[in-house]
Amino acid sequence: MKALYDPRTYYARVRTFLRDYQQPAGLQRADPVELRAFIKSLWCLGVRHPGRAAYWKFLAAVLLRSPRKLRQAVTLAVWGHHFRLVSRTL
């Protein structure tokens, strides 16, 4: 489980998913709750977490290749963090 949710391998899988992911048409605005969650993810995953280098590399890749998928990318990054926490208890 630890290797499965290692930040580098997890983010590589998410990048593969996002490459093929067809996002719904139309512009979606972020609400204040989503904006707060994004900022919190930057702090928790991008500053405090030991896998922060992998997180920044992942975000940079998403922003360069498909910036419109940023919302989904951040959501999946947060889920990955949750999965890492849960897998530690197994």
PDB file of N, CA and C in Angstrom:
ATOM      1  N   MET A   1       0.830  -1.192   0.000  1.00  0.00           N
ATOM      2  CA  MET A   1       0.000   0.000   0.000  1.00  0.00           C
ATOM      3  C   MET A   1       0.873   1.253   0.000  1.00  0.00           C
ATOM      4  N   LYS A   2       1.982   1.181   0.740  1.00  0.00           N
ATOM      5  CA  LYS A   2       2.854   2.352   0.820  1.00  0.00           C
ATOM      6  C   LYS A   2       3.393   2.717  -0.557  1.00  0.00           C
ATOM      7  N   ALA A   3       3.829   1.723  -1.315  1.00  0.00           N
ATOM      8  CA  ALA A   3       4.360   1.985  -2.664  1.00  0.00           C
ATOM      9  C   ALA A   3       3.252   2.448  -3.608  1.00  0.00           C
ATOM     10  N   LEU A   4       2.063   1.923  -3.428  1.00  0.00           N
ATOM     11  CA  LEU A   4       0.938   2.280  -4.291  1.00  0.00           C
ATOM     12  C   LEU A   4       0.593   3.757  -4.192  1.00  0.00           C
ATOM     13  N   TYR A   5       0.664   4.298  -2.975  1.00  0.00           N
ATOM     14  CA  TYR A   5       0.292   5.700  -2.768  1.00  0.00           C
ATOM     15  C   TYR A   5       1.484   6.619  -2.541  1.00  0.00           C
ATOM     16  N   ASP A   6       2.691   6.134  -2.840  1.00  0.00           N
ATOM     17  CA  ASP A   6       3.852   7.011  -2.817  1.00  0.00           C
ATOM     18  C   ASP A   6       3.564   8.200  -3.734  1.00  0.00           C
ATOM     19  N   PRO A   7       3.860   9.433  -3.298  1.00  0.00           N
ATOM     20  CA  PRO A   7       3.495  10.600  -4.102  1.00  0.00           C
ATOM     21  C   PRO A   7       3.946  10.525  -5.568  1.00  0.00           C
ATOM     22  N   ARG A   8       5.174  10.095  -5.817  1.00  0.00           N
ATOM     23  CA  ARG A   8       5.643  10.063  -7.218  1.00  0.00           C
ATOM     24  C   ARG A   8       4.839   9.096  -8.065  1.00  0.00           C
ATOM     25  N   THR A   9       4.614   7.888  -7.559  1.00  0.00           N
ATOM     26  CA  THR A   9       3.870   6.905  -8.357  1.00  0.00           C
ATOM     27  C   THR A   9       2.394   7.265  -8.454  1.00  0.00           C
ATOM     28  N   TYR A  10       1.832   7.791  -7.377  1.00  0.00           N
ATOM     29  CA  TYR A  10       0.425   8.181  -7.410  1.00  0.00           C
ATOM     30  C   TYR A  10       0.196   9.313  -8.414  1.00  0.00           C
ATOM     31  N   TYR A  11       1.024  10.352  -8.356  1.00  0.00           N
ATOM     32  CA  TYR A  11       0.857  11.481  -9.268  1.00  0.00           C
ATOM     33  C   TYR A  11       1.099  11.067 -10.721  1.00  0.00           C
ATOM     34  N   ALA A  12       1.980  10.104 -10.953  1.00  0.00           N
ATOM     35  CA  ALA A  12       2.188   9.596 -12.321  1.00  0.00           C
ATOM     36  C   ALA A  12       0.909   8.935 -12.832  1.00  0.00           C
ATOM     37  N   ARG A  13       0.254   8.162 -11.976  1.00  0.00           N
ATOM     38  CA  ARG A  13      -1.015   7.538 -12.387  1.00  0.00           C
ATOM     39  C   ARG A  13      -2.088   8.584 -12.645  1.00  0.00           C
ATOM     40  N   VAL A  14      -2.132   9.601 -11.804  1.00  0.00           N
ATOM     41  CA  VAL A  14      -3.135  10.653 -11.981  1.00  0.00           C
ATOM     42  C   VAL A  14      -2.873  11.414 -13.286  1.00  0.00           C
ATOM     43  N   ARG A  15      -1.602  11.681 -13.600  1.00  0.00           N
ATOM     44  CA  ARG A  15      -1.294  12.350 -14.876  1.00  0.00           C
ATOM     45  C   ARG A  15      -1.772  11.508 -16.052  1.00  0.00           C
ATOM     46  N   THR A  16      -1.598  10.193 -15.974  1.00  0.00           N
ATOM     47  CA  THR A  16      -2.091   9.304 -17.034  1.00  0.00           C
ATOM     48  C   THR A  16      -3.610   9.392 -17.134  1.00  0.00           C
ATOM     49  N   PHE A  17      -4.284   9.373 -16.004  1.00  0.00           N
ATOM     50  CA  PHE A  17      -5.737   9.509 -16.000  1.00  0.00           C
ATOM     51  C   PHE A  17      -6.166  10.838 -16.623  1.00  0.00           C
ATOM     52  N   LEU A  18      -5.538  11.928 -16.199  1.00  0.00           N
ATOM     53  CA  LEU A  18      -5.931  13.253 -16.691  1.00  0.00           C
ATOM     54  C   LEU A  18      -5.684  13.412 -18.185  1.00  0.00           C
ATOM     55  N   ARG A  19      -4.673  12.728 -18.701  1.00  0.00           N
ATOM     56  CA  ARG A  19      -4.392  12.801 -20.134  1.00  0.00           C
ATOM     57  C   ARG A  19      -5.605  12.332 -20.941  1.00  0.00           C
ATOM     58  N   ASP A  20      -6.274  11.294 -20.460  1.00  0.00           N
ATOM     59  CA  ASP A  20      -7.416  10.714 -21.178  1.00  0.00           C
ATOM     60  C   ASP A  20      -8.768  11.226 -20.688  1.00  0.00           C
ATOM     61  N   TYR A  21      -8.773  11.962 -19.597  1.00  0.00           N
ATOM     62  CA  TYR A  21     -10.012  12.442 -18.987  1.00  0.00           C
ATOM     63  C   TYR A  21     -10.661  13.511 -19.857  1.00  0.00           C
ATOM     64  N   GLN A  22     -11.934  13.323 -20.160  1.00  0.00           N
ATOM     65  CA  GLN A  22     -12.706  14.299 -20.921  1.00  0.00           C
ATOM     66  C   GLN A  22     -13.549  15.098 -19.935  1.00  0.00           C
ATOM     67  N   GLN A  23     -13.151  16.311 -19.737  1.00  0.00           N
ATOM     68  CA  GLN A  23     -13.838  17.150 -18.765  1.00  0.00           C
ATOM     69  C   GLN A  23     -15.127  17.709 -19.368  1.00  0.00           C
ATOM     70  N   PRO A  24     -16.142  17.923 -18.533  1.00  0.00           N
ATOM     71  CA  PRO A  24     -17.402  18.473 -19.035  1.00  0.00           C
ATOM     72  C   PRO A  24     -17.185  19.837 -19.700  1.00  0.00           C
ATOM     73  N   ALA A  25     -17.979  20.096 -20.722  1.00  0.00           N
ATOM     74  CA  ALA A  25     -17.863  21.362 -21.448  1.00  0.00           C
ATOM     75  C   ALA A  25     -18.332  22.521 -20.582  1.00  0.00           C
ATOM     76  N   GLY A  26     -17.816  23.691 -20.880  1.00  0.00           N
ATOM     77  CA  GLY A  26     -18.233  24.891 -20.168  1.00  0.00           C
ATOM     78  C   GLY A  26     -17.244  25.296 -19.091  1.00  0.00           C
ATOM     79  N   LEU A  27     -17.261  26.554 -18.792  1.00  0.00           N
ATOM     80  CA  LEU A  27     -16.379  27.106 -17.770  1.00  0.00           C
ATOM     81  C   LEU A  27     -17.023  26.953 -16.403  1.00  0.00           C
ATOM     82  N   GLN A  28     -16.284  26.418 -15.467  1.00  0.00           N
ATOM     83  CA  GLN A  28     -16.798  26.243 -14.115  1.00  0.00           C
ATOM     84  C   GLN A  28     -16.026  27.169 -13.190  1.00  0.00           C
ATOM     85  N   ARG A  29     -16.732  28.000 -12.488  1.00  0.00           N
ATOM     86  CA  ARG A  29     -16.085  28.909 -11.547  1.00  0.00           C
ATOM     87  C   ARG A  29     -15.919  28.209 -10.204  1.00  0.00           C
ATOM     88  N   ALA A  30     -14.803  28.505  -9.569  1.00  0.00           N
ATOM     89  CA  ALA A  30     -14.555  27.941  -8.246  1.00  0.00           C
ATOM     90  C   ALA A  30     -15.320  28.751  -7.206  1.00  0.00           C
ATOM     91  N   ASP A  31     -15.947  28.057  -6.292  1.00  0.00           N
ATOM     92  CA  ASP A  31     -16.627  28.758  -5.210  1.00  0.00           C
ATOM     93  C   ASP A  31     -15.633  28.970  -4.060  1.00  0.00           C
ATOM     94  N   PRO A  32     -15.992  29.756  -3.058  1.00  0.00           N
ATOM     95  CA  PRO A  32     -15.062  30.048  -1.962  1.00  0.00           C
ATOM     96  C   PRO A  32     -14.561  28.803  -1.217  1.00  0.00           C
ATOM     97  N   VAL A  33     -15.400  27.793  -1.099  1.00  0.00           N
ATOM     98  CA  VAL A  33     -14.993  26.569  -0.413  1.00  0.00           C
ATOM     99  C   VAL A  33     -13.895  25.860  -1.211  1.00  0.00           C
ATOM    100  N   GLU A  34     -14.064  25.803  -2.525  1.00  0.00           N
ATOM    101  CA  GLU A  34     -13.047  25.171  -3.371  1.00  0.00           C
ATOM    102  C   GLU A  34     -11.750  25.964  -3.370  1.00  0.00           C
ATOM    103  N   LEU A  35     -11.856  27.264  -3.390  1.00  0.00           N
ATOM    104  CA  LEU A  35     -10.666  28.107  -3.347  1.00  0.00           C
ATOM    105  C   LEU A  35      -9.909  27.901  -2.040  1.00  0.00           C
ATOM    106  N   ARG A  36     -10.635  27.831  -0.945  1.00  0.00           N
ATOM    107  CA  ARG A  36     -10.006  27.586   0.360  1.00  0.00           C
ATOM    108  C   ARG A  36      -9.336  26.209   0.389  1.00  0.00           C
ATOM    109  N   ALA A  37      -9.984  25.205  -0.185  1.00  0.00           N
ATOM    110  CA  ALA A  37      -9.409  23.857  -0.240  1.00  0.00           C
ATOM    111  C   ALA A  37      -8.137  23.846  -1.089  1.00  0.00           C
ATOM    112  N   PHE A  38      -8.142  24.601  -2.191  1.00  0.00           N
ATOM    113  CA  PHE A  38      -6.955  24.686  -3.046  1.00  0.00           C
ATOM    114  C   PHE A  38      -5.787  25.303  -2.285  1.00  0.00           C
ATOM    115  N   ILE A  39      -6.051  26.386  -1.581  1.00  0.00           N
ATOM    116  CA  ILE A  39      -4.996  27.051  -0.805  1.00  0.00           C
ATOM    117  C   ILE A  39      -4.490  26.122   0.296  1.00  0.00           C
ATOM    118  N   LYS A  40      -5.392  25.417   0.932  1.00  0.00           N
ATOM    119  CA  LYS A  40      -4.988  24.470   1.973  1.00  0.00           C
ATOM    120  C   LYS A  40      -4.135  23.348   1.376  1.00  0.00           C
ATOM    121  N   SER A  41      -4.470  22.894   0.173  1.00  0.00           N
ATOM    122  CA  SER A  41      -3.669  21.840  -0.464  1.00  0.00           C
ATOM    123  C   SER A  41      -2.270  22.357  -0.787  1.00  0.00           C
ATOM    124  N   LEU A  42      -2.175  23.622  -1.208  1.00  0.00           N
ATOM    125  CA  LEU A  42      -0.854  24.197  -1.476  1.00  0.00           C
ATOM    126  C   LEU A  42      -0.003  24.177  -0.212  1.00  0.00           C
ATOM    127  N   TRP A  43      -0.616  24.505   0.923  1.00  0.00           N
ATOM    128  CA  TRP A  43       0.116  24.540   2.186  1.00  0.00           C
ATOM    129  C   TRP A  43       0.463  23.113   2.661  1.00  0.00           C
ATOM    130  N   CYS A  44      -0.551  22.268   2.730  1.00  0.00           N
ATOM    131  CA  CYS A  44      -0.336  20.924   3.287  1.00  0.00           C
ATOM    132  C   CYS A  44       0.532  20.043   2.386  1.00  0.00           C
ATOM    133  N   LEU A  45       0.198  19.988   1.106  1.00  0.00           N
ATOM    134  CA  LEU A  45       0.916  19.097   0.198  1.00  0.00           C
ATOM    135  C   LEU A  45       2.146  19.755  -0.427  1.00  0.00           C
ATOM    136  N   GLY A  46       2.095  21.070  -0.584  1.00  0.00           N
ATOM    137  CA  GLY A  46       3.189  21.759  -1.259  1.00  0.00           C
ATOM    138  C   GLY A  46       4.249  22.331  -0.350  1.00  0.00           C
ATOM    139  N   VAL A  47       3.957  22.430   0.959  1.00  0.00           N
ATOM    140  CA  VAL A  47       4.932  23.003   1.896  1.00  0.00           C
ATOM    141  C   VAL A  47       5.277  22.012   3.013  1.00  0.00           C
ATOM    142  N   ARG A  48       4.267  21.487   3.683  1.00  0.00           N
ATOM    143  CA  ARG A  48       4.502  20.660   4.871  1.00  0.00           C
ATOM    144  C   ARG A  48       4.812  19.201   4.574  1.00  0.00           C
ATOM    145  N   HIS A  49       4.239  18.644   3.524  1.00  0.00           N
ATOM    146  CA  HIS A  49       4.349  17.207   3.252  1.00  0.00           C
ATOM    147  C   HIS A  49       5.740  16.848   2.716  1.00  0.00           C
ATOM    148  N   PRO A  50       6.287  15.695   3.137  1.00  0.00           N
ATOM    149  CA  PRO A  50       7.600  15.284   2.622  1.00  0.00           C
ATOM    150  C   PRO A  50       7.607  15.056   1.103  1.00  0.00           C
ATOM    151  N   GLY A  51       6.452  14.765   0.521  1.00  0.00           N
ATOM    152  CA  GLY A  51       6.370  14.553  -0.923  1.00  0.00           C
ATOM    153  C   GLY A  51       6.087  15.826  -1.701  1.00  0.00           C
ATOM    154  N   ARG A  52       6.445  16.984  -1.130  1.00  0.00           N
ATOM    155  CA  ARG A  52       6.109  18.276  -1.745  1.00  0.00           C
ATOM    156  C   ARG A  52       6.744  18.463  -3.116  1.00  0.00           C
ATOM    157  N   ALA A  53       7.933  17.947  -3.335  1.00  0.00           N
ATOM    158  CA  ALA A  53       8.576  18.098  -4.649  1.00  0.00           C
ATOM    159  C   ALA A  53       7.740  17.404  -5.731  1.00  0.00           C
ATOM    160  N   ALA A  54       7.232  16.222  -5.413  1.00  0.00           N
ATOM    161  CA  ALA A  54       6.390  15.496  -6.368  1.00  0.00           C
ATOM    162  C   ALA A  54       5.084  16.253  -6.622  1.00  0.00           C
ATOM    163  N   TYR A  55       4.548  16.885  -5.581  1.00  0.00           N
ATOM    164  CA  TYR A  55       3.308  17.657  -5.720  1.00  0.00           C
ATOM    165  C   TYR A  55       3.519  18.852  -6.657  1.00  0.00           C
ATOM    166  N   TRP A  56       4.603  19.599  -6.451  1.00  0.00           N
ATOM    167  CA  TRP A  56       4.862  20.764  -7.299  1.00  0.00           C
ATOM    168  C   TRP A  56       5.148  20.344  -8.739  1.00  0.00           C
ATOM    169  N   LYS A  57       5.864  19.251  -8.908  1.00  0.00           N
ATOM    170  CA  LYS A  57       6.131  18.737 -10.259  1.00  0.00           C
ATOM    171  C   LYS A  57       4.820  18.336 -10.938  1.00  0.00           C
ATOM    172  N   PHE A  58       3.954  17.699 -10.178  1.00  0.00           N
ATOM    173  CA  PHE A  58       2.642  17.295 -10.687  1.00  0.00           C
ATOM    174  C   PHE A  58       1.815  18.510 -11.097  1.00  0.00           C
ATOM    175  N   LEU A  59       1.725  19.507 -10.211  1.00  0.00           N
ATOM    176  CA  LEU A  59       0.952  20.713 -10.537  1.00  0.00           C
ATOM    177  C   LEU A  59       1.531  21.440 -11.747  1.00  0.00           C
ATOM    178  N   ALA A  60       2.842  21.525 -11.821  1.00  0.00           N
ATOM    179  CA  ALA A  60       3.475  22.191 -12.961  1.00  0.00           C
ATOM    180  C   ALA A  60       3.145  21.459 -14.257  1.00  0.00           C
ATOM    181  N   ALA A  61       3.202  20.135 -14.239  1.00  0.00           N
ATOM    182  CA  ALA A  61       2.879  19.353 -15.438  1.00  0.00           C
ATOM    183  C   ALA A  61       1.437  19.585 -15.864  1.00  0.00           C
ATOM    184  N   VAL A  62       0.524  19.620 -14.900  1.00  0.00           N
ATOM    185  CA  VAL A  62      -0.885  19.844 -15.232  1.00  0.00           C
ATOM    186  C   VAL A  62      -1.073  21.249 -15.805  1.00  0.00           C
ATOM    187  N   LEU A  63      -0.464  22.234 -15.176  1.00  0.00           N
ATOM    188  CA  LEU A  63      -0.613  23.611 -15.654  1.00  0.00           C
ATOM    189  C   LEU A  63      -0.018  23.811 -17.043  1.00  0.00           C
ATOM    190  N   LEU A  64       1.064  23.117 -17.351  1.00  0.00           N
ATOM    191  CA  LEU A  64       1.681  23.253 -18.674  1.00  0.00           C
ATOM    192  C   LEU A  64       0.930  22.495 -19.757  1.00  0.00           C
ATOM    193  N   ARG A  65       0.428  21.317 -19.420  1.00  0.00           N
ATOM    194  CA  ARG A  65      -0.197  20.464 -20.446  1.00  0.00           C
ATOM    195  C   ARG A  65      -1.702  20.651 -20.569  1.00  0.00           C
ATOM    196  N   SER A  66      -2.368  20.840 -19.455  1.00  0.00           N
ATOM    197  CA  SER A  66      -3.835  20.936 -19.497  1.00  0.00           C
ATOM    198  C   SER A  66      -4.342  21.740 -18.302  1.00  0.00           C
ATOM    199  N   PRO A  67      -4.142  23.055 -18.337  1.00  0.00           N
ATOM    200  CA  PRO A  67      -4.527  23.886 -17.194  1.00  0.00           C
ATOM    201  C   PRO A  67      -6.011  23.839 -16.848  1.00  0.00           C
ATOM    202  N   ARG A  68      -6.855  23.511 -17.790  1.00  0.00           N
ATOM    203  CA  ARG A  68      -8.291  23.447 -17.506  1.00  0.00           C
ATOM    204  C   ARG A  68      -8.650  22.259 -16.615  1.00  0.00           C
ATOM    205  N   LYS A  69      -7.712  21.335 -16.471  1.00  0.00           N
ATOM    206  CA  LYS A  69      -7.958  20.162 -15.624  1.00  0.00           C
ATOM    207  C   LYS A  69      -7.379  20.343 -14.224  1.00  0.00           C
ATOM    208  N   LEU A  70      -7.005  21.570 -13.877  1.00  0.00           N
ATOM    209  CA  LEU A  70      -6.400  21.834 -12.575  1.00  0.00           C
ATOM    210  C   LEU A  70      -7.325  21.454 -11.428  1.00  0.00           C
ATOM    211  N   ARG A  71      -8.593  21.786 -11.554  1.00  0.00           N
ATOM    212  CA  ARG A  71      -9.556  21.469 -10.483  1.00  0.00           C
ATOM    213  C   ARG A  71      -9.561  19.969 -10.201  1.00  0.00           C
ATOM    214  N   GLN A  72      -9.675  19.173 -11.231  1.00  0.00           N
ATOM    215  CA  GLN A  72      -9.684  17.720 -11.054  1.00  0.00           C
ATOM    216  C   GLN A  72      -8.344  17.231 -10.520  1.00  0.00           C
ATOM    217  N   ALA A  73      -7.247  17.818 -10.986  1.00  0.00           N
ATOM    218  CA  ALA A  73      -5.915  17.417 -10.532  1.00  0.00           C
ATOM    219  C   ALA A  73      -5.738  17.668  -9.041  1.00  0.00           C
ATOM    220  N   VAL A  74      -6.156  18.819  -8.573  1.00  0.00           N
ATOM    221  CA  VAL A  74      -6.022  19.143  -7.149  1.00  0.00           C
ATOM    222  C   VAL A  74      -6.921  18.230  -6.323  1.00  0.00           C
ATOM    223  N   THR A  75      -8.116  17.970  -6.800  1.00  0.00           N
ATOM    224  CA  THR A  75      -9.016  17.055  -6.096  1.00  0.00           C
ATOM    225  C   THR A  75      -8.366  15.687  -5.939  1.00  0.00           C
ATOM    226  N   LEU A  76      -7.781  15.169  -7.012  1.00  0.00           N
ATOM    227  CA  LEU A  76      -7.149  13.856  -6.956  1.00  0.00           C
ATOM    228  C   LEU A  76      -5.887  13.870  -6.090  1.00  0.00           C
ATOM    229  N   ALA A  77      -5.171  14.980  -6.065  1.00  0.00           N
ATOM    230  CA  ALA A  77      -3.998  15.091  -5.194  1.00  0.00           C
ATOM    231  C   ALA A  77      -4.419  15.017  -3.733  1.00  0.00           C
ATOM    232  N   VAL A  78      -5.505  15.695  -3.391  1.00  0.00           N
ATOM    233  CA  VAL A  78      -6.006  15.661  -2.010  1.00  0.00           C
ATOM    234  C   VAL A  78      -6.488  14.254  -1.672  1.00  0.00           C
ATOM    235  N   TRP A  79      -7.165  13.608  -2.599  1.00  0.00           N
ATOM    236  CA  TRP A  79      -7.597  12.223  -2.365  1.00  0.00           C
ATOM    237  C   TRP A  79      -6.381  11.332  -2.121  1.00  0.00           C
ATOM    238  N   GLY A  80      -5.326  11.523  -2.902  1.00  0.00           N
ATOM    239  CA  GLY A  80      -4.113  10.733  -2.721  1.00  0.00           C
ATOM    240  C   GLY A  80      -3.532  10.917  -1.336  1.00  0.00           C
ATOM    241  N   HIS A  81      -3.545  12.149  -0.853  1.00  0.00           N
ATOM    242  CA  HIS A  81      -3.066  12.420   0.507  1.00  0.00           C
ATOM    243  C   HIS A  81      -3.915  11.653   1.517  1.00  0.00           C
ATOM    244  N   HIS A  82      -5.207  11.679   1.326  1.00  0.00           N
ATOM    245  CA  HIS A  82      -6.110  10.942   2.212  1.00  0.00           C
ATOM    246  C   HIS A  82      -5.799   9.439   2.148  1.00  0.00           C
ATOM    247  N   PHE A  83      -5.618   8.904   0.952  1.00  0.00           N
ATOM    248  CA  PHE A  83      -5.312   7.480   0.800  1.00  0.00           C
ATOM    249  C   PHE A  83      -4.008   7.118   1.504  1.00  0.00           C
ATOM    250  N   ARG A  84      -2.996   8.020   1.430  1.00  0.00           N
ATOM    251  CA  ARG A  84      -1.734   7.762   2.127  1.00  0.00           C
ATOM    252  C   ARG A  84      -1.960   7.688   3.635  1.00  0.00           C
ATOM    253  N   LEU A  85      -2.768   8.599   4.163  1.00  0.00           N
ATOM    254  CA  LEU A  85      -3.053   8.586   5.605  1.00  0.00           C
ATOM    255  C   LEU A  85      -3.775   7.308   6.010  1.00  0.00           C
ATOM    256  N   VAL A  86      -4.751   6.902   5.235  1.00  0.00           N
ATOM    257  CA  VAL A  86      -5.512   5.699   5.545  1.00  0.00           C
ATOM    258  C   VAL A  86      -4.633   4.461   5.432  1.00  0.00           C
ATOM    259  N   SER A  87      -3.776   4.404   4.409  1.00  0.00           N
ATOM    260  CA  SER A  87      -2.951   3.216   4.219  1.00  0.00           C
ATOM    261  C   SER A  87      -1.938   3.036   5.337  1.00  0.00           C
ATOM    262  N   ARG A  88      -1.585   4.096   6.030  1.00  0.00           N
ATOM    263  CA  ARG A  88      -0.654   3.978   7.163  1.00  0.00           C
ATOM    264  C   ARG A  88      -1.274   3.211   8.328  1.00  0.00           C
ATOM    265  N   THR A  89      -2.602   3.237   8.429  1.00  0.00           N
ATOM    266  CA  THR A  89      -3.261   2.564   9.541  1.00  0.00           C
ATOM    267  C   THR A  89      -3.510   1.088   9.283  1.00  0.00           C
ATOM    268  N   LEU A  90      -3.260   0.641   8.053  1.00  0.00           N
ATOM    269  CA  LEU A  90      -3.510  -0.776   7.709  1.00  0.00           C
ATOM    270  C   LEU A  90      -2.365  -1.664   8.110  1.00  0.00           C
TER     271      LEU A  90
END
